[in-house]
Protein backbone atom coordinates (compact mmCIF):
# COMPACT_ATOMS: atom_id res chain seq x y z
CA MET A 1 89.30 201.37 126.38
CA ALA A 2 88.26 199.46 123.23
CA ARG A 3 90.81 201.31 121.14
CA SER A 4 93.60 200.64 123.61
CA ARG A 5 92.74 196.98 123.75
CA ALA A 6 92.77 196.69 119.96
CA ALA A 7 96.12 198.43 119.81
CA LEU A 8 97.70 196.14 122.37
CA ALA A 9 96.28 193.07 120.66
CA SER A 10 97.89 194.00 117.35
CA PRO A 11 101.37 192.59 116.80
CA ALA A 12 102.14 195.58 114.61
CA LEU A 13 101.69 197.91 117.56
CA SER A 14 102.80 195.75 120.44
CA ASN A 15 106.10 194.75 118.85
CA PRO A 16 108.70 197.44 119.67
CA LYS A 17 110.87 196.30 116.76
CA ALA A 18 108.11 196.77 114.19
CA PRO A 19 109.04 199.25 111.45
CA GLU A 20 107.48 202.69 111.71
CA ARG A 21 104.59 203.44 109.41
CA HIS A 22 105.08 206.01 106.66
CA GLU A 23 103.18 209.25 107.25
CA VAL A 24 99.91 209.42 105.32
CA ASP A 25 97.84 212.43 104.33
CA TYR A 26 94.47 211.45 105.82
CA SER A 27 92.78 214.52 104.30
CA ARG A 28 92.43 212.61 101.00
CA LYS A 29 90.98 209.47 102.52
CA TRP A 30 87.55 209.76 100.87
CA LEU A 31 89.11 210.32 97.46
CA VAL A 32 91.10 207.13 97.98
CA MET A 33 87.84 205.46 99.04
CA ALA A 34 86.26 206.55 95.73
CA ALA A 35 89.13 204.99 93.76
CA ILE A 36 88.99 201.71 95.67
CA ALA A 37 85.17 201.61 95.52
CA ALA A 38 85.15 202.02 91.72
CA SER A 39 87.77 199.30 91.33
CA THR A 40 86.05 196.93 93.76
CA THR A 41 82.74 197.46 91.96
CA LEU A 42 84.45 196.40 88.76
CA ALA A 43 85.73 193.15 90.26
CA THR A 44 82.61 192.18 92.22
CA ILE A 45 80.11 192.83 89.43
CA ASP A 46 82.18 190.78 87.01
CA GLY A 47 82.34 187.89 89.46
CA SER A 48 78.58 187.37 89.16
CA ILE A 49 77.53 188.95 85.87
CA VAL A 50 78.96 186.14 83.71
CA ASN A 51 76.88 183.40 85.35
CA VAL A 52 73.69 184.87 83.86
CA ALA A 53 75.16 184.49 80.37
CA PHE A 54 76.00 180.78 80.56
CA PRO A 55 72.98 179.50 78.57
CA THR A 56 73.55 182.18 75.92
CA LEU A 57 77.28 181.45 75.73
CA VAL A 58 76.66 177.73 75.20
CA GLU A 59 74.49 178.55 72.18
CA GLU A 60 76.44 181.47 70.73
CA LEU A 61 79.88 179.85 71.02
CA SER A 62 78.65 176.38 69.99
CA THR A 63 79.96 174.60 73.06
CA SER A 64 78.71 172.58 76.05
CA PHE A 65 77.99 173.51 79.65
CA ASN A 66 80.94 171.37 80.86
CA VAL A 67 83.25 173.59 78.78
CA ILE A 68 81.57 176.93 79.42
CA GLN A 69 81.72 176.48 83.18
CA TRP A 70 85.50 176.96 82.89
CA VAL A 71 84.77 180.60 82.06
CA ALA A 72 83.86 180.90 85.75
CA LEU A 73 86.16 178.20 87.13
CA GLY A 74 89.27 179.57 85.41
CA TYR A 75 88.54 182.98 86.92
CA LEU A 76 87.89 181.55 90.39
CA LEU A 77 90.91 179.24 90.47
CA THR A 78 93.28 181.98 89.30
CA ILE A 79 92.16 184.26 92.12
CA ALA A 80 92.51 181.43 94.67
CA THR A 81 96.00 180.63 93.42
CA LEU A 82 97.52 184.11 93.23
CA THR A 83 95.83 186.23 95.92
CA LEU A 84 98.31 185.80 98.78
CA GLY A 85 101.36 185.98 96.51
CA MET A 86 100.17 189.18 94.83
CA GLY A 87 99.34 190.70 98.21
CA ARG A 88 102.87 190.06 99.43
CA PHE A 89 104.32 191.35 96.14
CA GLY A 90 102.58 194.67 96.81
CA ASP A 91 104.10 194.80 100.29
CA VAL A 92 107.60 194.39 98.85
CA VAL A 93 107.50 196.70 95.81
CA GLY A 94 104.75 199.16 96.81
CA LYS A 95 101.01 198.94 96.26
CA LYS A 96 100.02 201.79 93.93
CA ARG A 97 101.73 200.64 90.74
CA PRO A 98 100.64 196.97 90.95
CA PHE A 99 97.11 198.15 91.77
CA ILE A 100 97.06 200.36 88.66
CA VAL A 101 98.48 197.49 86.58
CA GLY A 102 95.63 195.33 87.89
CA LEU A 103 93.06 197.90 86.75
CA ILE A 104 94.65 198.14 83.30
CA LEU A 105 94.84 194.33 82.97
CA PHE A 106 91.24 193.88 84.04
CA THR A 107 89.89 196.59 81.72
CA CYS A 108 91.89 195.45 78.69
CA ALA A 109 91.01 191.80 79.31
CA SER A 110 87.34 192.80 79.49
CA VAL A 111 87.57 194.30 76.00
CA LEU A 112 89.30 191.16 74.71
CA CYS A 113 86.63 188.94 76.33
CA GLY A 114 83.99 190.87 74.42
CA LEU A 115 85.81 190.33 71.10
CA VAL A 116 86.65 186.62 71.33
CA PRO A 117 85.72 184.30 68.44
CA THR A 118 85.78 181.04 70.43
CA VAL A 119 85.24 179.73 73.95
CA SER A 120 88.94 178.85 74.33
CA TRP A 121 89.92 182.48 73.87
CA LEU A 122 87.20 183.53 76.30
CA ILE A 123 88.54 181.22 79.02
CA GLY A 124 92.08 182.49 78.45
CA PHE A 125 91.14 186.16 78.70
CA ARG A 126 89.01 185.44 81.78
CA VAL A 127 92.17 184.13 83.44
CA LEU A 128 93.89 187.41 82.50
CA GLN A 129 90.93 189.27 83.98
CA ALA A 130 91.36 187.27 87.18
CA VAL A 131 95.01 188.34 87.49
CA GLY A 132 93.86 191.95 87.36
CA SER A 133 91.10 191.20 89.86
CA VAL A 134 93.63 189.70 92.29
CA LEU A 135 95.70 192.88 92.26
CA ILE A 136 92.59 195.02 92.71
CA LEU A 137 91.05 193.07 95.58
CA ALA A 138 94.17 192.11 97.56
CA LEU A 139 95.92 195.48 97.34
CA GLY A 140 92.75 197.62 97.40
CA ALA A 141 91.93 196.67 100.99
CA ALA A 142 95.52 197.38 102.09
CA ILE A 143 95.57 200.77 100.33
CA LEU A 144 92.26 201.70 101.92
CA VAL A 145 93.37 200.76 105.44
CA GLU A 146 96.56 202.81 105.05
CA ALA A 147 94.57 205.83 103.81
CA PHE A 148 92.33 205.97 106.91
CA PRO A 149 93.34 206.49 110.54
CA PRO A 150 93.36 203.25 112.59
CA THR A 151 90.40 204.58 114.57
CA GLU A 152 88.30 204.64 111.36
CA ARG A 153 89.41 201.30 109.92
CA GLY A 154 86.08 199.59 110.58
CA LYS A 155 84.13 202.45 109.00
CA ALA A 156 86.25 202.30 105.82
CA LEU A 157 85.95 198.53 105.45
CA GLY A 158 82.24 198.78 106.23
CA TRP A 159 81.66 201.08 103.28
CA ILE A 160 83.63 198.78 101.01
CA GLY A 161 81.42 195.95 102.31
CA THR A 162 78.46 197.95 101.00
CA VAL A 163 80.15 198.30 97.61
CA VAL A 164 80.74 194.53 97.48
CA SER A 165 77.09 193.87 98.37
CA LEU A 166 75.84 196.22 95.67
CA GLY A 167 78.11 194.52 93.16
CA ILE A 168 76.75 191.10 94.10
CA ILE A 169 73.16 192.34 93.78
CA SER A 170 73.57 194.33 90.57
CA GLY A 171 75.73 191.85 88.64
CA PRO A 172 72.95 189.42 87.61
CA VAL A 173 70.46 192.27 87.07
CA ILE A 174 72.83 194.26 84.84
CA GLY A 175 73.83 191.08 83.02
CA GLY A 176 70.23 190.17 82.25
CA ILE A 177 69.43 193.68 80.97
CA LEU A 178 72.53 193.88 78.77
CA ILE A 179 72.06 190.43 77.25
CA SER A 180 68.38 191.01 76.49
CA SER A 181 68.95 194.55 75.14
CA PHE A 182 72.19 193.96 73.22
CA ASN A 183 74.10 190.66 73.33
CA TRP A 184 76.42 188.69 75.62
CA ARG A 185 79.49 190.72 74.60
CA ALA A 186 78.01 193.78 76.29
CA ILE A 187 78.53 192.25 79.76
CA PHE A 188 82.28 192.61 79.23
CA PHE A 189 82.25 195.98 77.46
CA VAL A 190 80.33 197.51 80.38
CA ASN A 191 83.50 197.13 82.48
CA VAL A 192 85.40 199.61 80.32
CA PRO A 193 83.88 202.93 81.53
CA ILE A 194 84.02 201.77 85.17
CA GLY A 195 87.63 200.69 84.69
CA VAL A 196 88.61 204.02 83.10
CA VAL A 197 87.01 205.98 85.96
CA GLY A 198 88.73 203.76 88.53
CA LEU A 199 92.06 204.15 86.74
CA ILE A 200 91.84 207.96 86.66
CA LEU A 201 90.92 208.09 90.36
CA ALA A 202 93.70 205.65 91.29
CA ILE A 203 96.40 207.50 89.35
CA ARG A 204 95.35 210.84 90.80
CA TYR A 205 94.44 210.05 94.40
CA VAL A 206 95.93 206.73 95.60
CA PRO A 207 99.06 207.63 97.59
CA ASP A 208 102.34 206.22 96.34
CA THR A 209 103.46 205.06 99.78
CA PRO A 210 106.97 203.59 99.56
CA PRO A 211 107.40 200.01 100.81
CA ILE A 212 109.24 199.37 104.05
CA GLN A 213 112.87 198.77 103.21
CA GLY A 214 114.73 195.49 103.72
CA GLN A 215 111.98 193.19 102.42
CA ARG A 216 112.44 190.56 99.74
CA PHE A 217 109.86 188.61 97.79
CA ASP A 218 109.86 184.97 98.88
CA LEU A 219 109.53 183.34 95.44
CA ILE A 220 109.85 179.73 96.66
CA GLY A 221 107.26 180.28 99.36
CA ALA A 222 104.92 182.00 96.90
CA VAL A 223 105.17 179.11 94.43
CA LEU A 224 104.55 176.47 97.13
CA MET A 225 101.56 178.37 98.52
CA SER A 226 100.12 178.90 95.04
CA VAL A 227 100.43 175.20 94.16
CA SER A 228 98.82 174.24 97.47
CA LEU A 229 95.89 176.62 97.03
CA PHE A 230 95.39 175.67 93.38
CA SER A 231 95.38 171.94 94.17
CA LEU A 232 92.97 172.39 97.06
CA SER A 233 90.59 174.62 95.11
CA LEU A 234 90.63 172.36 92.05
CA ALA A 235 90.00 169.22 94.12
CA LEU A 236 87.11 170.86 95.98
CA THR A 237 85.58 172.19 92.77
CA LEU A 238 85.86 169.05 90.62
CA GLY A 239 85.15 166.68 93.51
CA GLN A 240 81.46 167.55 93.32
CA GLU A 241 81.14 165.64 90.04
CA ALA A 242 84.06 163.20 90.16
CA GLY A 243 83.46 162.20 93.80
CA PHE A 244 85.67 163.19 96.71
CA THR A 245 87.03 159.66 97.06
CA SER A 246 88.12 159.31 93.42
CA THR A 247 91.85 158.91 92.79
CA PRO A 248 92.44 162.24 90.96
CA ILE A 249 90.64 164.21 93.69
CA LEU A 250 92.50 162.46 96.51
CA LEU A 251 95.74 163.15 94.63
CA GLY A 252 94.81 166.84 94.47
CA PHE A 253 94.24 166.95 98.23
CA ALA A 254 97.54 165.11 98.80
CA VAL A 255 99.48 167.58 96.64
CA SER A 256 97.87 170.45 98.54
CA LEU A 257 98.86 168.98 101.93
CA VAL A 258 102.44 168.19 100.90
CA THR A 259 103.09 171.61 99.36
CA ALA A 260 101.47 173.32 102.38
CA ALA A 261 103.83 171.42 104.70
CA LEU A 262 106.82 172.38 102.54
CA PHE A 263 105.61 176.00 102.58
CA VAL A 264 105.61 176.03 106.39
CA LEU A 265 109.16 174.61 106.48
CA VAL A 266 110.40 177.23 104.01
CA GLU A 267 108.68 180.08 105.85
CA LEU A 268 110.25 179.09 109.17
CA ARG A 269 113.76 179.20 107.67
CA THR A 270 113.72 182.25 105.39
CA GLU A 271 114.70 185.72 106.60
CA SER A 272 111.93 187.49 104.65
CA PRO A 273 109.02 185.01 104.52
CA MET A 274 105.91 185.48 102.44
CA ILE A 275 103.84 185.13 105.61
CA GLN A 276 105.15 185.64 109.12
CA LEU A 277 103.62 182.53 110.73
CA ARG A 278 104.13 184.07 114.18
CA LEU A 279 101.34 186.50 113.30
CA PHE A 280 98.87 183.67 113.88
CA ARG A 281 99.88 183.58 117.53
CA SER A 282 97.57 186.57 117.83
CA PRO A 283 94.08 185.34 118.80
CA MET A 284 92.64 188.42 117.05
CA LEU A 285 93.99 187.30 113.67
CA THR A 286 93.51 183.55 114.06
CA VAL A 287 89.95 183.79 115.37
CA SER A 288 88.98 186.33 112.71
CA VAL A 289 90.33 184.20 109.84
CA ILE A 290 88.62 181.04 111.13
CA SER A 291 85.33 182.84 111.80
CA GLY A 292 85.36 184.49 108.37
CA PHE A 293 86.02 181.19 106.64
CA LEU A 294 83.19 179.43 108.49
CA ALA A 295 80.71 182.24 107.85
CA PHE A 296 81.38 182.36 104.11
CA LEU A 297 81.39 178.54 103.90
CA CYS A 298 77.78 178.49 105.10
CA VAL A 299 76.49 181.63 103.39
CA SER A 300 78.00 180.83 99.97
CA ALA A 301 76.51 177.34 99.99
CA THR A 302 73.15 178.77 101.03
CA PHE A 303 72.95 181.17 98.10
CA PHE A 304 74.11 178.41 95.75
CA LEU A 305 71.22 176.17 96.85
CA LEU A 306 68.40 178.68 97.41
CA PRO A 307 67.71 179.30 93.68
CA PHE A 308 66.89 175.59 93.28
CA TYR A 309 64.43 175.91 96.15
CA LEU A 310 62.84 179.22 95.13
CA GLU A 311 62.46 178.33 91.46
CA GLY A 312 62.26 174.53 91.39
CA VAL A 313 60.23 173.92 94.57
CA LEU A 314 58.25 177.10 95.15
CA GLY A 315 57.80 177.89 91.45
CA PHE A 316 58.77 181.56 91.49
CA ALA A 317 59.68 183.18 88.17
CA VAL A 318 63.36 183.82 87.46
CA GLY A 319 62.94 187.59 87.86
CA THR A 320 61.24 187.14 91.21
CA VAL A 321 63.98 184.76 92.36
CA GLY A 322 66.60 187.39 91.53
CA LEU A 323 64.77 189.99 93.61
CA LEU A 324 64.32 187.60 96.55
CA LEU A 325 67.99 186.60 96.50
CA GLY A 326 69.01 190.26 96.47
CA VAL A 327 67.42 191.00 99.84
CA ALA A 328 70.17 189.47 102.01
CA PRO A 329 73.06 191.23 100.18
CA LEU A 330 71.06 194.47 100.34
CA MET A 331 70.65 194.19 104.11
CA MET A 332 74.33 193.33 104.40
CA GLY A 333 75.22 196.47 102.47
CA LEU A 334 73.03 198.62 104.69
CA THR A 335 74.41 197.28 107.97
CA SER A 336 78.12 196.99 107.08
CA PRO A 337 79.03 200.69 107.51
CA ILE A 338 77.07 200.91 110.77
CA ALA A 339 78.76 197.80 112.16
CA GLY A 340 82.18 199.04 111.04
CA THR A 341 81.69 202.36 112.80
CA MET A 342 80.46 200.60 115.96
CA SER A 343 83.51 198.34 115.97
CA ASP A 344 85.80 201.41 115.84
CA ARG A 345 84.10 202.67 118.98
CA PHE A 346 83.36 199.53 120.99
CA GLY A 347 85.90 196.98 119.70
CA VAL A 348 85.44 194.29 117.07
CA ARG A 349 84.82 191.09 119.00
CA ARG A 350 81.49 191.97 120.61
CA ILE A 351 80.11 193.19 117.30
CA THR A 352 81.25 190.09 115.39
CA LEU A 353 79.72 187.81 118.04
CA LEU A 354 76.41 189.64 117.70
CA GLY A 355 76.52 189.09 113.94
CA LEU A 356 77.24 185.37 114.37
CA VAL A 357 74.32 185.00 116.78
CA ILE A 358 71.96 186.55 114.21
CA ILE A 359 73.32 184.34 111.39
CA ALA A 360 72.93 181.17 113.49
CA ALA A 361 69.37 182.16 114.47
CA ALA A 362 68.50 182.76 110.81
CA TYR A 363 69.69 179.29 109.84
CA PHE A 364 67.63 177.58 112.50
CA GLY A 365 64.71 179.75 111.36
CA PHE A 366 65.22 178.41 107.83
CA LEU A 367 64.05 175.04 109.13
CA SER A 368 60.52 176.40 108.82
CA PHE A 369 60.86 176.46 105.01
CA SER A 370 58.48 174.02 103.33
CA VAL A 371 57.02 173.24 99.90
CA ASP A 372 54.50 176.09 100.25
CA THR A 373 56.59 178.86 101.83
CA THR A 374 55.43 182.33 100.79
CA ALA A 375 57.63 185.16 99.56
CA SER A 376 56.96 187.16 102.74
CA HIS A 377 57.96 184.16 104.89
CA TYR A 378 61.21 183.85 102.95
CA LEU A 379 61.97 187.58 103.25
CA LEU A 380 61.27 187.52 106.98
CA LEU A 381 64.16 185.07 107.46
CA ALA A 382 66.51 186.05 104.61
CA ALA A 383 66.72 189.68 105.78
CA PRO A 384 68.18 188.73 109.21
CA LEU A 385 70.77 186.54 107.49
CA GLY A 386 71.98 189.59 105.54
CA ILE A 387 71.85 191.78 108.63
CA GLY A 388 73.90 189.26 110.62
CA LEU A 389 76.48 188.94 107.86
CA GLY A 390 76.79 192.73 107.57
CA ILE A 391 77.21 193.12 111.34
CA PHE A 392 79.84 190.36 111.37
CA ASN A 393 81.85 190.97 108.22
CA SER A 394 83.22 194.53 108.35
CA PRO A 395 84.38 194.31 112.01
CA ASN A 396 85.90 190.91 111.28
CA ASN A 397 87.75 192.34 108.29
CA SER A 398 88.91 195.24 110.45
CA ALA A 399 90.26 192.76 113.00
CA ILE A 400 92.29 190.96 110.32
CA MET A 401 93.76 194.16 108.89
CA GLY A 402 94.47 195.51 112.36
CA SER A 403 96.36 192.35 113.33
CA VAL A 404 99.07 192.54 110.67
CA PRO A 405 102.07 194.91 110.77
CA PRO A 406 102.47 197.64 108.12
CA GLU A 407 104.95 195.58 106.08
CA TYR A 408 102.32 192.82 105.67
CA MET A 409 99.25 194.92 104.79
CA GLY A 410 99.08 193.34 101.33
CA ILE A 411 99.01 189.90 102.93
CA GLY A 412 96.21 191.17 105.19
CA GLY A 413 94.20 192.16 102.12
CA GLY A 414 94.97 188.77 100.60
CA LEU A 415 93.68 187.03 103.72
CA LEU A 416 90.38 188.92 103.43
CA THR A 417 89.95 187.65 99.88
CA MET A 418 91.12 184.11 100.67
CA THR A 419 88.82 183.57 103.66
CA ARG A 420 85.88 184.60 101.48
CA LEU A 421 87.00 182.63 98.44
CA LEU A 422 88.00 179.37 100.16
CA GLY A 423 84.81 179.57 102.21
CA GLN A 424 82.86 179.91 98.97
CA ILE A 425 84.61 177.02 97.23
CA SER A 426 84.48 174.72 100.27
CA GLY A 427 80.87 175.58 101.12
CA ILE A 428 79.52 174.92 97.64
CA ALA A 429 81.53 171.67 97.37
CA VAL A 430 80.86 170.23 100.83
CA LEU A 431 77.36 171.49 101.64
CA GLY A 432 76.29 171.03 98.03
CA SER A 433 77.23 167.37 98.37
CA VAL A 434 75.43 167.20 101.73
CA TRP A 435 72.29 168.55 100.08
CA ALA A 436 72.48 165.96 97.29
CA ALA A 437 73.00 163.19 99.84
CA GLY A 438 70.07 164.46 101.92
CA VAL A 439 67.83 164.55 98.86
CA ALA A 440 68.88 160.99 97.96
CA ALA A 441 68.16 159.78 101.50
CA ALA A 442 64.73 161.44 101.51
CA SER A 443 64.01 159.86 98.11
CA GLY A 444 64.71 156.39 99.49
CA GLY A 445 67.96 156.17 97.56
CA ASP A 446 66.16 156.51 94.23
CA MET A 447 67.83 159.63 92.83
CA PRO A 448 66.61 160.87 89.41
CA ALA A 449 69.13 160.64 86.58
CA GLU A 450 68.97 164.44 86.18
CA GLY A 451 70.25 164.93 89.74
CA ALA A 452 68.95 166.23 93.06
CA SER A 453 67.24 169.26 91.53
CA ALA A 454 64.86 166.90 89.68
CA ALA A 455 63.77 165.06 92.83
CA SER A 456 60.41 165.61 94.50
CA PRO A 457 59.86 168.98 96.24
CA GLN A 458 59.56 167.22 99.62
CA ALA A 459 62.91 165.47 99.13
CA GLN A 460 64.63 168.71 98.10
CA VAL A 461 63.29 170.52 101.18
CA ALA A 462 64.46 167.64 103.39
CA GLY A 463 67.95 167.98 101.94
CA LEU A 464 67.89 171.73 102.55
CA HIS A 465 66.89 171.19 106.17
CA THR A 466 69.95 168.98 106.64
CA VAL A 467 72.15 171.75 105.22
CA PHE A 468 70.53 174.39 107.43
CA VAL A 469 71.07 172.31 110.58
CA ILE A 470 74.74 171.83 109.72
CA ALA A 471 75.12 175.54 108.89
CA GLY A 472 73.53 176.49 112.22
CA VAL A 473 75.90 174.16 114.07
CA VAL A 474 78.90 175.56 112.17
CA MET A 475 77.86 179.09 113.15
CA ALA A 476 77.56 177.91 116.77
CA VAL A 477 81.13 176.61 116.50
CA ALA A 478 82.21 180.01 115.12
CA LEU A 479 80.53 181.60 118.13
CA VAL A 480 82.47 179.39 120.53
CA VAL A 481 85.72 180.22 118.71
CA GLY A 482 84.88 183.93 118.86
CA ALA A 483 84.05 183.79 122.57
CA TRP A 484 87.36 182.01 123.22
CA GLY A 485 89.13 184.71 121.23
CA MET A 486 87.46 187.48 123.22
CA ARG A 487 88.54 185.80 126.46
CA ARG A 488 92.13 185.47 125.21
CA GLU A 489 92.17 189.07 124.02
CA ARG A 490 90.98 190.30 127.43
CA ARG A 491 93.64 188.22 129.17
CA ASP A 492 96.35 189.57 126.88
CA PHE A 493 95.09 193.10 127.45
CA VAL A 494 95.25 192.72 131.24
CA ALA A 495 98.74 191.20 130.99
CA SER A 496 99.96 194.00 128.67
CA ALA A 497 98.43 196.90 130.57
CA PRO A 498 101.31 197.32 133.13
CA ALA A 499 103.93 197.33 130.35
CA ALA A 500 101.92 199.82 128.35
CA ALA A 501 101.57 202.09 131.39
CA LYS A 502 105.35 202.09 131.92
CA ALA A 503 105.94 202.94 128.27
């Protein structure tokens, strides 16, 4: 019953005019999984490994923190700008060759990052790395989904969720070991053997599935969407320091809105749009994208703020903080494959709602954090947050990929990356500002010149409590949206059942 309902809810399967899917040899699915896992490991580790090196890079490259932060920002903004366009490009020309190009770009750029003489060169090659990462992440999910039967989609995405979690956990640890044992350049050279292994596996085992004929790349739409996403991401990122009401930031938001409106107009009039906007009529897709964005908005902000609490308020050593922060991603990695398999059997919506309930409960539990919270108290609440995210994420990703037709699988993979990335950028910007405002209010308006992290422990905890309340409410909203989606999906299933029986 759950499988039939998912099939009828998918526009790719319910639309009789949808192009037929190319036959795939499912016997090689785990070899394809190995290729995608190696490549995803490469991209996820590199997303976090560089942050550990910031203090060293400031000293070694004779620069300032304001400049060195663009090593991360340039990478992040490039991914935000190009993800959807590159996903659609793979749909039009085929996914294997662009995916391999992405691996080559990423690996070569890693070598160049390790050889740079100045910070300017490092920022430039990090942007090149990001282009490779876009091709890996956006097209990797689509290749993986095509390599597995639809009835095992959740399982496949669940295992990749584990790979992502392990990358998040191991990035800072590996970075710290390499920098202390060798130097900062080693954090880029370590990508080379992983990249070579991923490249060999991809060339040998990733199927060269031909694209569905009759598609064209919507260049105008891609440019408009890229400008909109870049402007939005830049405004959200820089607004934390410049102020969200400053003229340049407001101009960035305005440019994003105008280009987004133009994008919609272009997409409605072109014969081969970058994104079929009618896809969002599906409650499965719309609810899953909204829920994913809200979940990552809260979780990303949480793990941005928790180090200040664990180290600055509770006084844990840096090594201990790293271990404590790794618990939630570890639990996410352990539960993702289980949740993905369960969603294949019982349907995605019930599983995602269970995950959201656990996440919301964890946030309200975080309100018990104080200036003398113990490590065991923290672990008791951080572990459920990771479990809830693992239960939610892989079924939610499966719902997104199952809601797009075969000719838009690359866009589906791009949507997975964009919901996570925009949630991350928005969460850190908005909830980070909420925390600072809460700390200022608890300090009586007398904020230290060094910022919120230099305020009294009591004021910092008060600011965190404000963030946790908002995060809990946001998760409750995601629950309401998910429940509405489940009701709509059931109604559509009942309405479609007679037609399906006749067919």
